[in-house]
């Protein structure tokens, strides 16, 4: 039967019209989120392995875009959400087969239970294969960094509300310890210490092992839930369509429950209204009026006293800058105290170091730091000169330790050697000292050595402390006389509003510490250690 030319033309017109309508509808949906406030655009992150990515068959019912649902694309823009949701992941191989994952059902269930004026955007960034073991999701590893970059794009428009994780059943050894790290790192990186996090059930031969470990994980980690679903079925290594639907529903149910429970505990803008001493600050004291911004920051954050520590770029470079520095400190005497610092290779003997420190002491310095022993082991002879000089002068010294500064091994034997060599030197540990919190090293050293103290400032330290709050709480109570509050704020952050301030201000309020312990950490320990006067007008 011959089809008339005009009928062919009509079909082509209708097809073109349909395509244009679809594009116009998609464009209208995309532009509609521009009118949505950040508070009403909720962002969820879906990460993990192949079953989070999805391999189930996409049926006709799942091909349509989802009203009020959006997906972050490869350009960091939001487009109407439709399966497959993992197609813009920046950790998957291009040839990966795309299918239906639990994100589709999760999104639809969350939208159903969310106010109608709220839209939801998904950042789906799952991977597959050996390069997606949990080890590749740890802090600063490739999967983590790439995913974090996409989340930063997403929250320019929306508010991060939760994270879903699904680990494939091909890795079990030490993986759940790493999941703890992943959870804590994401929470601190995005400024929400109680960010809801849901892990999903694993099917197959490892399911019973994962089940018991995930239940234990939920007991250890706050604001964490375990999504189980009835009758999960694997086809080979992959969930079928019914399984991903059930798992997505369970993810949504658990997410909503966490949000209801933990949404009432928002302490992000809370800080202690009591005498408050911050021992770790970096201001530009070598510039004209260089401490004014710090003083304003202190007033906004209700901080009574601070210790400012020079860095290489903020040390006085000549006598004029030194006079300016001393003038700045006189203006804020009793409020802003100062440490002094020099590099280990700037002195060749203990006596030379002592002479410098004595002069600094006469000019008002009360300690040494932040001590960077760049490319040196912790007990390098040049570092030992510094500790010996500080012991003679009576200067507390705060050190930085990491992979290329004041280096040490597991268990910190080199730090312990220094503590034994200089028992009268008051030494304050900072930075990656805290990475050995959970293996007991920090606790043991603080308990055994009266001359060791600890400063928990900095984002990485917040990640460690927020990882397992039950353990951290008991640790802080045991070592209540040895921990000094610090934020590691600096000239780069003094302009922040109170609500955006350093995360340590809220962190310690989450541990539910006894008031006596908080008072020591926030104020008393610093006053006692540095021999200062209590100017808070409180007993």
Protein backbone atom coordinates (compact mmCIF):
# COMPACT_ATOMS: atom_id res chain seq x y z
CA UNK A 1 0.00 0.00 0.00
CA UNK A 2 1.44 3.36 -1.02
CA UNK A 3 1.65 6.10 1.57
CA UNK A 4 0.79 9.47 0.17
CA UNK A 5 3.42 12.18 0.27
CA UNK A 6 1.20 14.49 2.30
CA UNK A 7 0.72 11.76 4.92
CA UNK A 8 4.50 11.32 5.21
CA UNK A 9 4.89 15.07 5.55
CA UNK A 10 2.20 15.17 8.25
CA UNK A 11 3.94 12.42 10.21
CA UNK A 12 7.22 14.31 10.01
CA UNK A 13 5.55 17.50 11.21
CA UNK A 14 3.90 15.72 14.12
CA UNK A 15 7.17 14.04 15.09
CA UNK A 16 9.05 17.35 14.95
CA UNK A 17 6.32 19.06 16.94
CA UNK A 18 6.45 16.33 19.57
CA UNK A 19 10.21 16.64 19.88
CA UNK A 20 9.99 20.40 20.21
CA UNK A 21 7.31 20.10 22.89
CA UNK A 22 9.47 17.65 24.83
CA UNK A 23 12.46 19.98 24.63
CA UNK A 24 10.34 22.97 25.63
CA UNK A 25 8.93 21.04 28.58
CA UNK A 26 12.40 20.01 29.71
CA UNK A 27 13.65 23.58 29.32
CA UNK A 28 10.68 24.90 31.30
CA UNK A 29 11.38 22.42 34.10
CA UNK A 30 15.04 23.36 34.19
CA UNK A 31 14.33 27.08 34.27
CA UNK A 32 11.71 26.62 37.00
CA UNK A 33 14.37 25.71 39.55
CA UNK A 34 15.92 29.13 39.02
CA UNK A 35 12.94 30.50 40.90
CA UNK A 36 13.32 27.95 43.71
CA UNK A 37 15.09 29.15 46.85
CA UNK A 38 18.19 27.33 48.06
CA UNK A 39 16.26 26.17 51.13
CA UNK A 40 13.58 24.59 48.93
CA UNK A 41 15.97 22.82 46.60
CA UNK A 42 17.12 19.71 48.47
CA UNK A 43 20.24 17.92 47.28
CA UNK A 44 21.04 14.25 47.90
CA UNK A 45 24.25 12.46 46.98
CA UNK A 46 24.20 8.82 45.83
CA UNK A 47 27.59 7.09 45.86
CA UNK A 48 29.11 3.63 45.96
CA UNK A 49 29.47 0.77 43.53
CA UNK A 50 27.76 -0.84 40.60
CA UNK A 51 24.42 -1.48 42.34
CA UNK A 52 24.12 2.18 43.25
CA UNK A 53 24.93 3.00 39.62
CA UNK A 54 22.24 0.53 38.55
CA UNK A 55 22.15 -2.33 36.06
CA UNK A 56 18.44 -3.25 36.12
CA UNK A 57 16.39 -3.00 32.94
CA UNK A 58 14.80 0.42 32.43
CA UNK A 59 11.13 -0.08 31.63
CA UNK A 60 8.86 2.34 29.78
CA UNK A 61 7.48 3.53 33.14
CA UNK A 62 10.95 4.68 34.19
CA UNK A 63 11.89 6.54 31.02
CA UNK A 64 9.85 9.67 31.74
CA UNK A 65 11.26 12.68 33.56
CA UNK A 66 10.23 13.03 37.21
CA UNK A 67 8.30 16.14 38.18
CA UNK A 68 10.22 18.30 40.70
CA UNK A 69 13.18 15.92 40.35
CA UNK A 70 16.54 16.99 38.91
CA UNK A 71 19.90 15.48 38.05
CA UNK A 72 23.27 17.24 38.11
CA UNK A 73 24.88 16.86 34.69
CA UNK A 74 28.51 16.91 33.57
CA UNK A 75 28.46 20.70 33.25
CA UNK A 76 27.37 21.25 36.83
CA UNK A 77 23.86 22.19 35.68
CA UNK A 78 20.50 20.78 36.73
CA UNK A 79 18.32 18.98 34.24
CA UNK A 80 15.06 17.03 34.65
CA UNK A 81 15.76 13.66 36.27
CA UNK A 82 15.24 10.53 34.23
CA UNK A 83 16.86 7.10 34.13
CA UNK A 84 19.66 6.18 33.91
CA UNK A 85 20.70 8.45 36.79
CA UNK A 86 24.40 7.55 36.91
CA UNK A 87 25.19 8.66 33.38
CA UNK A 88 27.03 11.80 34.53
CA UNK A 89 29.22 10.12 37.15
CA UNK A 90 32.82 11.30 36.83
CA UNK A 91 34.27 8.09 38.27
CA UNK A 92 32.71 5.58 35.88
CA UNK A 93 34.20 4.29 32.66
CA UNK A 94 32.54 5.64 29.52
CA UNK A 95 31.73 2.16 28.30
CA UNK A 96 29.86 1.20 31.49
CA UNK A 97 26.41 -0.15 30.75
CA UNK A 98 23.74 2.11 32.21
CA UNK A 99 20.63 0.79 33.94
CA UNK A 100 18.09 1.40 36.67
CA UNK A 101 19.38 1.91 40.23
CA UNK A 102 17.76 2.64 43.61
CA UNK A 103 18.00 6.39 43.02
CA UNK A 104 14.84 6.43 40.89
CA UNK A 105 12.64 4.92 43.59
CA UNK A 106 14.36 6.96 46.30
CA UNK A 107 13.68 10.21 44.46
CA UNK A 108 10.02 9.41 43.81
CA UNK A 109 9.40 8.38 47.43
CA UNK A 110 11.16 11.46 48.83
CA UNK A 111 9.15 13.75 46.55
CA UNK A 112 5.94 12.07 47.64
CA UNK A 113 6.72 12.78 51.33
CA UNK A 114 8.17 16.28 50.80
CA UNK A 115 6.31 19.59 50.63
CA UNK A 116 5.08 20.40 47.13
CA UNK A 117 7.06 23.63 46.99
CA UNK A 118 10.29 21.64 47.43
CA UNK A 119 12.29 20.25 44.50
CA UNK A 120 14.95 17.57 44.82
CA UNK A 121 18.24 17.30 42.98
CA UNK A 122 20.41 14.19 42.84
CA UNK A 123 24.18 13.96 42.51
CA UNK A 124 24.67 10.35 41.41
CA UNK A 125 28.36 9.47 41.36
CA UNK A 126 28.79 5.72 41.55
CA UNK A 127 31.54 3.60 40.00
CA UNK A 128 32.28 0.02 39.14
CA UNK A 129 35.08 -2.52 39.28
CA UNK A 130 38.25 -2.80 41.33
CA UNK A 131 38.81 0.96 41.28
CA UNK A 132 35.68 1.40 43.37
CA UNK A 133 36.74 -0.44 46.51
CA UNK A 134 36.09 1.57 49.65
CA UNK A 135 39.83 2.33 49.87
CA UNK A 136 39.35 4.59 46.84
CA UNK A 137 36.72 6.64 48.69
CA UNK A 138 38.91 7.70 51.60
CA UNK A 139 39.84 11.32 52.20
CA UNK A 140 41.75 12.89 49.29
CA UNK A 141 41.57 9.72 47.17
CA UNK A 142 40.40 10.04 43.57
CA UNK A 143 36.77 8.97 43.97
CA UNK A 144 36.35 11.22 47.00
CA UNK A 145 37.90 14.27 45.38
CA UNK A 146 35.90 13.95 42.17
CA UNK A 147 32.65 13.42 44.03
CA UNK A 148 33.35 16.32 46.38
CA UNK A 149 33.87 18.58 43.35
CA UNK A 150 30.42 17.68 42.02
CA UNK A 151 28.78 18.24 45.41
CA UNK A 152 30.34 21.70 45.56
CA UNK A 153 28.72 22.46 42.20
CA UNK A 154 25.37 21.16 43.44
CA UNK A 155 25.16 23.20 46.63
CA UNK A 156 25.63 26.47 44.78
CA UNK A 157 21.93 26.12 44.04
CA UNK A 158 20.63 23.76 46.70
CA UNK A 159 20.96 22.61 50.30
CA UNK A 160 22.70 19.31 51.00
CA UNK A 161 20.24 17.12 52.91
CA UNK A 162 21.72 13.62 52.94
CA UNK A 163 23.97 10.97 51.44
CA UNK A 164 23.24 7.41 50.32
CA UNK A 165 25.97 4.78 50.14
CA UNK A 166 25.85 1.29 48.66
CA UNK A 167 28.88 -0.94 48.77
CA UNK A 168 29.09 -3.98 46.51
CA UNK A 169 29.61 -7.35 48.16
CA UNK A 170 33.10 -7.91 46.76
CA UNK A 171 35.02 -6.25 49.61
CA UNK A 172 34.65 -6.85 53.33
CA UNK A 173 37.98 -6.89 55.19
CA UNK A 174 38.52 -3.47 56.82
CA UNK A 175 35.91 -1.69 54.76
CA UNK A 176 33.55 -0.53 57.49
CA UNK A 177 36.29 1.35 59.30
CA UNK A 178 36.83 3.18 56.04
CA UNK A 179 33.09 3.87 55.76
CA UNK A 180 33.37 5.66 59.12
CA UNK A 181 36.10 7.82 57.63
CA UNK A 182 34.03 8.55 54.53
CA UNK A 183 31.01 9.63 56.58
CA UNK A 184 32.96 11.91 58.89
CA UNK A 185 35.00 13.44 56.07
CA UNK A 186 31.93 14.38 54.04
CA UNK A 187 30.18 15.83 57.08
CA UNK A 188 33.07 18.10 57.97
CA UNK A 189 33.88 19.06 54.37
CA UNK A 190 30.32 20.32 53.90
CA UNK A 191 29.87 21.86 57.33
CA UNK A 192 27.08 19.61 58.67
CA UNK A 193 28.27 17.48 61.60
CA UNK A 194 24.95 15.61 61.67
CA UNK A 195 24.45 15.18 57.92
CA UNK A 196 22.11 12.14 57.53
CA UNK A 197 23.85 9.15 55.97
CA UNK A 198 22.18 5.88 54.93
CA UNK A 199 23.98 2.67 53.98
CA UNK A 200 22.16 0.05 51.91
CA UNK A 201 21.77 -3.69 52.33
CA UNK A 202 24.06 -5.99 50.39
CA UNK A 203 22.66 -9.17 48.84
CA UNK A 204 24.48 -12.36 47.94
CA UNK A 205 27.09 -14.49 49.68
CA UNK A 206 28.41 -11.68 51.89
CA UNK A 207 25.02 -10.38 52.99
CA UNK A 208 24.99 -11.89 56.49
CA UNK A 209 28.49 -10.59 57.22
CA UNK A 210 27.63 -7.12 56.02
CA UNK A 211 24.35 -7.21 57.92
CA UNK A 212 26.02 -7.72 61.29
CA UNK A 213 28.78 -5.20 60.53
CA UNK A 214 26.39 -2.52 59.33
CA UNK A 215 24.26 -2.93 62.45
CA UNK A 216 27.39 -2.45 64.58
CA UNK A 217 28.34 0.57 62.46
CA UNK A 218 24.98 2.21 63.16
CA UNK A 219 25.62 1.74 66.90
CA UNK A 220 28.97 3.54 66.62
CA UNK A 221 28.16 6.39 64.23
CA UNK A 222 25.55 9.07 64.88
CA UNK A 223 22.92 10.11 62.31
CA UNK A 224 23.48 6.86 60.38
CA UNK A 225 20.86 4.36 59.30
CA UNK A 226 20.82 0.98 57.59
CA UNK A 227 18.37 0.48 54.70
CA UNK A 228 17.13 -3.10 54.41
CA UNK A 229 14.60 -4.39 51.91
CA UNK A 230 12.70 -7.64 51.63
CA UNK A 231 13.48 -10.08 48.84
CA UNK A 232 16.48 -8.49 47.20
CA UNK A 233 17.41 -10.54 44.15
CA UNK A 234 20.74 -10.55 42.33
CA UNK A 235 20.96 -11.44 38.67
CA UNK A 236 24.62 -12.30 38.60
CA UNK A 237 26.17 -9.42 40.52
CA UNK A 238 23.35 -6.95 39.89
CA UNK A 239 19.99 -6.18 41.52
CA UNK A 240 16.91 -6.65 39.34
CA UNK A 241 14.30 -3.91 38.80
CA UNK A 242 12.08 -4.99 41.68
CA UNK A 243 15.04 -5.08 44.06
CA UNK A 244 16.28 -1.59 43.23
CA UNK A 245 12.74 -0.29 43.63
CA UNK A 246 12.45 -1.85 47.10
CA UNK A 247 15.91 -0.66 48.11
CA UNK A 248 15.15 2.90 46.98
CA UNK A 249 11.97 2.90 49.05
CA UNK A 250 13.96 1.75 52.09
CA UNK A 251 16.60 4.43 51.51
CA UNK A 252 13.86 7.08 51.49
CA UNK A 253 12.16 5.73 54.60
CA UNK A 254 15.42 5.70 56.54
CA UNK A 255 16.46 9.14 55.28
CA UNK A 256 13.19 10.70 56.38
CA UNK A 257 13.50 9.08 59.80
CA UNK A 258 17.03 10.44 60.28
CA UNK A 259 15.97 13.91 59.19
CA UNK A 260 13.10 13.93 61.66
CA UNK A 261 15.37 12.83 64.51
CA UNK A 262 18.51 14.84 63.79
CA UNK A 263 16.94 17.93 62.27
CA UNK A 264 16.02 18.96 65.81
CA UNK A 265 19.68 18.85 66.89
CA UNK A 266 21.13 21.51 64.60
CA UNK A 267 24.01 23.09 66.49
CA UNK A 268 25.79 24.48 63.43
CA UNK A 269 25.60 28.07 64.69
CA UNK A 270 25.92 27.25 68.39
CA UNK A 271 28.96 28.20 70.38
CA UNK A 272 29.73 28.27 74.07
CA UNK A 273 28.52 31.34 75.92
CA UNK A 274 31.21 31.20 78.55
CA UNK A 275 34.85 32.30 78.93
CA UNK A 276 36.50 31.20 75.70
CA UNK A 277 40.17 30.96 74.71
CA UNK A 278 41.32 30.03 71.20
CA UNK A 279 44.97 28.89 71.22
CA UNK A 280 45.44 28.54 67.45
CA UNK A 281 45.01 31.67 65.32
CA UNK A 282 46.93 33.08 62.33
CA UNK A 283 46.59 36.84 61.87
CA UNK A 284 48.75 39.23 59.85
CA UNK A 285 50.35 41.00 62.78
CA UNK A 286 53.22 42.31 60.63
CA UNK A 287 50.90 44.64 58.72
CA UNK A 288 49.51 48.02 59.74
CA UNK A 289 46.45 47.51 61.97
CA UNK A 290 46.94 43.81 61.23
CA UNK A 291 45.13 42.59 64.34
CA UNK A 292 41.97 44.66 63.92
CA UNK A 293 40.23 42.03 61.78
CA UNK A 294 41.08 39.38 64.37
CA UNK A 295 39.69 41.53 67.19
CA UNK A 296 36.43 42.01 65.27
CA UNK A 297 36.25 38.26 64.63
CA UNK A 298 36.74 37.58 68.34
CA UNK A 299 33.92 39.96 69.27
CA UNK A 300 31.51 38.35 66.77
CA UNK A 301 32.33 34.86 68.04
CA UNK A 302 32.43 35.74 71.76
CA UNK A 303 36.08 34.73 72.10
CA UNK A 304 37.78 36.29 75.12
CA UNK A 305 41.45 35.62 74.39
CA UNK A 306 43.53 34.09 71.59
CA UNK A 307 47.10 33.13 70.75
CA UNK A 308 48.31 34.30 67.37
CA UNK A 309 51.07 32.28 65.72
CA UNK A 310 53.18 33.65 62.87
CA UNK A 311 53.62 31.74 59.65
CA UNK A 312 56.41 32.26 57.12
CA UNK A 313 54.42 34.95 55.31
CA UNK A 314 53.39 36.79 58.50
CA UNK A 315 56.72 36.95 60.32
CA UNK A 316 58.24 40.44 60.41
CA UNK A 317 60.72 40.73 57.54
CA UNK A 318 62.57 43.78 58.84
CA UNK A 319 62.81 46.06 61.86
CA UNK A 320 60.04 48.34 60.60
CA UNK A 321 57.60 45.43 60.39
CA UNK A 322 58.72 44.20 63.81
CA UNK A 323 57.96 47.58 65.38
CA UNK A 324 54.59 47.58 63.66
CA UNK A 325 53.90 44.08 65.00
CA UNK A 326 54.75 45.05 68.57
CA UNK A 327 52.53 48.13 68.28
CA UNK A 328 49.64 45.97 67.08
CA UNK A 329 49.97 43.69 70.09
CA UNK A 330 50.17 46.58 72.57
CA UNK A 331 46.81 47.76 71.25
CA UNK A 332 45.23 44.42 72.22
CA UNK A 333 47.25 43.54 75.31
CA UNK A 334 45.50 40.90 77.40
CA UNK A 335 43.20 39.98 74.53
CA UNK A 336 45.55 38.84 71.74
CA UNK A 337 48.72 37.03 72.84
CA UNK A 338 51.57 36.07 70.58
CA UNK A 339 53.91 33.19 69.90
CA UNK A 340 57.19 33.54 68.05
CA UNK A 341 58.78 31.17 65.58
CA UNK A 342 61.90 30.52 63.51
CA UNK A 343 62.90 27.66 61.25
CA UNK A 344 65.17 24.90 62.61
CA UNK A 345 67.96 25.74 60.16
CA UNK A 346 68.09 29.37 61.32
CA UNK A 347 70.05 28.48 64.46
CA UNK A 348 73.11 26.27 64.85
CA UNK A 349 73.11 25.78 68.63
CA UNK A 350 70.82 25.67 71.64
CA UNK A 351 72.45 28.82 73.05
CA UNK A 352 71.73 30.72 69.84
CA UNK A 353 68.10 29.63 69.97
CA UNK A 354 67.84 30.59 73.66
CA UNK A 355 69.17 34.08 72.92
CA UNK A 356 66.47 34.64 70.29
CA UNK A 357 63.72 33.32 72.55
CA UNK A 358 64.83 35.47 75.49
CA UNK A 359 64.60 38.59 73.31
CA UNK A 360 61.14 37.52 72.10
CA UNK A 361 60.07 36.93 75.68
CA UNK A 362 61.10 40.45 76.69
CA UNK A 363 59.01 41.74 73.78
CA UNK A 364 55.91 39.91 74.97
CA UNK A 365 55.96 36.44 73.34
CA UNK A 366 54.58 33.65 75.53
CA UNK A 367 55.44 30.57 73.47
CA UNK A 368 56.93 29.07 70.30
CA UNK A 369 55.00 27.96 67.25
CA UNK A 370 53.53 26.90 65.02
CA UNK A 371 56.65 24.77 64.66
CA UNK A 372 57.08 23.33 61.16
CA UNK A 373 60.02 20.97 60.83
CA UNK A 374 59.81 20.78 57.06
CA UNK A 375 61.31 17.63 55.55
CA UNK A 376 62.58 16.58 59.00
CA UNK A 377 61.87 13.69 61.30
CA UNK A 378 60.34 14.73 64.60
CA UNK A 379 63.52 14.05 66.57
CA UNK A 380 65.91 15.51 64.00
CA UNK A 381 68.87 17.19 65.80
CA UNK A 382 67.81 20.61 64.53
CA UNK A 383 64.36 20.07 66.06
CA UNK A 384 65.90 18.91 69.34
CA UNK A 385 67.67 22.27 69.61
CA UNK A 386 64.33 24.03 69.50
CA UNK A 387 62.80 21.86 72.23
CA UNK A 388 65.88 22.23 74.42
CA UNK A 389 65.80 26.03 74.05
CA UNK A 390 62.06 26.23 74.76
CA UNK A 391 62.56 24.12 77.89
CA UNK A 392 65.29 26.49 79.13
CA UNK A 393 63.29 29.65 78.44
CA UNK A 394 60.02 28.17 79.72
CA UNK A 395 58.16 28.53 76.41
CA UNK A 396 55.35 26.10 75.56
CA UNK A 397 55.78 24.92 71.96
CA UNK A 398 53.07 23.86 69.55
CA UNK A 399 54.11 21.59 66.67
CA UNK A 400 52.61 20.68 63.32
CA UNK A 401 53.05 17.09 62.19
CA UNK A 402 52.16 15.52 58.84
CA UNK A 403 53.69 13.54 55.97
CA UNK A 404 56.50 16.03 55.34
CA UNK A 405 56.72 18.05 58.57
CA UNK A 406 58.06 16.72 61.89
CA UNK A 407 57.55 13.21 60.58
CA UNK A 408 57.00 10.18 62.80
CA UNK A 409 55.84 6.56 62.58
CA UNK A 410 52.77 4.74 63.84
CA UNK A 411 52.63 4.98 67.61
CA UNK A 412 54.64 8.27 67.46
CA UNK A 413 57.89 6.86 68.94
CA UNK A 414 59.89 9.95 67.94
CA UNK A 415 57.47 12.28 69.71
CA UNK A 416 57.68 10.03 72.75
CA UNK A 417 61.48 10.25 72.67
CA UNK A 418 61.28 14.06 72.73
CA UNK A 419 58.80 13.99 75.63
CA UNK A 420 61.25 11.88 77.61
CA UNK A 421 64.29 13.99 76.68
CA UNK A 422 62.66 17.29 77.71
CA UNK A 423 60.28 16.54 80.58
CA UNK A 424 60.00 20.21 81.58
CA UNK A 425 59.13 21.40 78.07
CA UNK A 426 55.39 21.90 77.63
CA UNK A 427 54.67 20.44 74.21
CA UNK A 428 51.33 20.92 72.42
CA UNK A 429 50.43 18.41 69.70
CA UNK A 430 48.55 19.46 66.59
CA UNK A 431 47.60 18.23 63.11
CA UNK A 432 48.15 14.55 62.29
CA UNK A 433 48.84 13.68 65.89
CA UNK A 434 45.06 13.25 65.98
CA UNK A 435 45.05 10.66 63.19
CA UNK A 436 46.19 8.18 65.84
CA UNK A 437 43.26 8.89 68.13
CA UNK A 438 41.37 5.70 67.37
CA UNK A 439 44.33 3.33 67.82
CA UNK A 440 44.85 4.59 71.38
CA UNK A 441 48.16 6.39 70.81
CA UNK A 442 46.86 9.88 71.62
CA UNK A 443 45.21 8.67 74.81
CA UNK A 444 48.27 6.77 76.00
CA UNK A 445 50.71 9.61 75.41
CA UNK A 446 48.50 12.22 77.07
CA UNK A 447 48.00 9.97 80.06
CA UNK A 448 51.66 8.99 80.47
CA UNK A 449 53.42 12.32 79.85
CA UNK A 450 52.53 15.32 82.03
CA UNK A 451 54.32 17.67 79.60
CA UNK A 452 52.13 16.77 76.59
CA UNK A 453 49.00 18.72 75.63
CA UNK A 454 46.84 18.63 72.50
CA UNK A 455 45.22 21.22 70.23
CA UNK A 456 42.37 19.83 68.06
CA UNK A 457 42.12 22.73 65.60
CA UNK A 458 41.73 22.31 61.85
CA UNK A 459 39.27 20.53 59.56
CA UNK A 460 41.14 17.22 59.47
CA UNK A 461 41.08 17.03 63.26
CA UNK A 462 37.34 17.75 63.29
CA UNK A 463 36.87 14.81 60.94
CA UNK A 464 38.65 12.51 63.39
CA UNK A 465 36.83 13.77 66.47
CA UNK A 466 33.38 13.62 64.84
CA UNK A 467 33.96 10.09 63.50
CA UNK A 468 33.01 8.18 66.65
CA UNK A 469 31.45 10.53 69.18
CA UNK A 470 31.08 8.00 71.97
CA UNK A 471 34.80 7.29 71.98
CA UNK A 472 35.70 10.97 71.57
CA UNK A 473 33.50 11.99 74.48
CA UNK A 474 35.17 9.54 76.84
CA UNK A 475 38.60 10.52 75.54
CA UNK A 476 37.93 14.21 76.22
CA UNK A 477 36.66 13.49 79.71
CA UNK A 478 39.74 11.37 80.52
CA UNK A 479 42.04 14.07 79.19
CA UNK A 480 40.07 17.10 80.30
CA UNK A 481 43.19 18.79 81.73
CA UNK A 482 45.29 18.30 78.59
CA UNK A 483 43.13 19.49 75.64
CA UNK A 484 43.16 23.15 74.52
CA UNK A 485 40.49 24.54 72.21
CA UNK A 486 41.74 25.89 68.87
CA UNK A 487 40.01 26.80 65.63
CA UNK A 488 42.96 27.39 63.24
CA UNK A 489 41.14 30.46 61.94
CA UNK A 490 43.23 32.95 60.00
CA UNK A 491 43.18 36.14 57.96
CA UNK A 492 41.59 34.11 55.16
CA UNK A 493 38.49 33.45 57.29
CA UNK A 494 38.07 36.45 59.61
CA UNK A 495 35.42 37.97 57.34
CA UNK A 496 33.10 34.96 57.77
CA UNK A 497 29.74 35.56 59.41
CA UNK A 498 29.14 33.81 62.70
CA UNK A 499 26.93 31.19 61.04
CA UNK A 500 29.79 30.30 58.66
CA UNK A 501 32.56 30.21 61.24
CA UNK A 502 35.05 27.41 61.87
CA UNK A 503 33.39 24.11 62.58
CA UNK A 504 35.16 23.54 65.91
CA UNK A 505 32.84 26.05 67.58
CA UNK A 506 29.90 23.71 67.11
CA UNK A 507 31.84 20.44 67.26
CA UNK A 508 32.50 20.34 70.99
CA UNK A 509 28.88 21.16 71.80
CA UNK A 510 27.85 17.89 70.13
CA UNK A 511 29.78 15.72 72.59
CA UNK A 512 27.48 16.48 75.51
CA UNK A 513 30.44 17.05 77.81
CA UNK A 514 30.07 17.89 81.51
CA UNK A 515 30.20 21.63 82.11
CA UNK A 516 33.40 21.29 84.12
CA UNK A 517 35.14 19.56 81.21
CA UNK A 518 33.99 22.17 78.71
CA UNK A 519 35.18 24.97 80.96
CA UNK A 520 38.65 23.43 81.12
CA UNK A 521 38.94 22.84 77.36
CA UNK A 522 37.45 26.17 76.36
CA UNK A 523 39.34 28.37 78.80
CA UNK A 524 40.93 27.17 82.03
CA UNK A 525 43.62 24.91 80.54
CA UNK A 526 45.03 27.73 78.41
CA UNK A 527 45.05 30.24 81.28
CA UNK A 528 46.90 27.74 83.47
CA UNK A 529 49.36 26.46 80.85
CA UNK A 530 50.42 29.91 79.64
CA UNK A 531 50.40 31.53 83.08
CA UNK A 532 47.88 34.19 82.07
CA UNK A 533 45.36 36.24 83.96
CA UNK A 534 41.67 35.38 83.90
CA UNK A 535 40.15 38.51 82.38
CA UNK A 536 36.72 37.01 81.87
CA UNK A 537 35.31 38.37 85.16
CA UNK A 538 34.13 34.85 85.96
CA UNK A 539 35.42 32.51 88.68
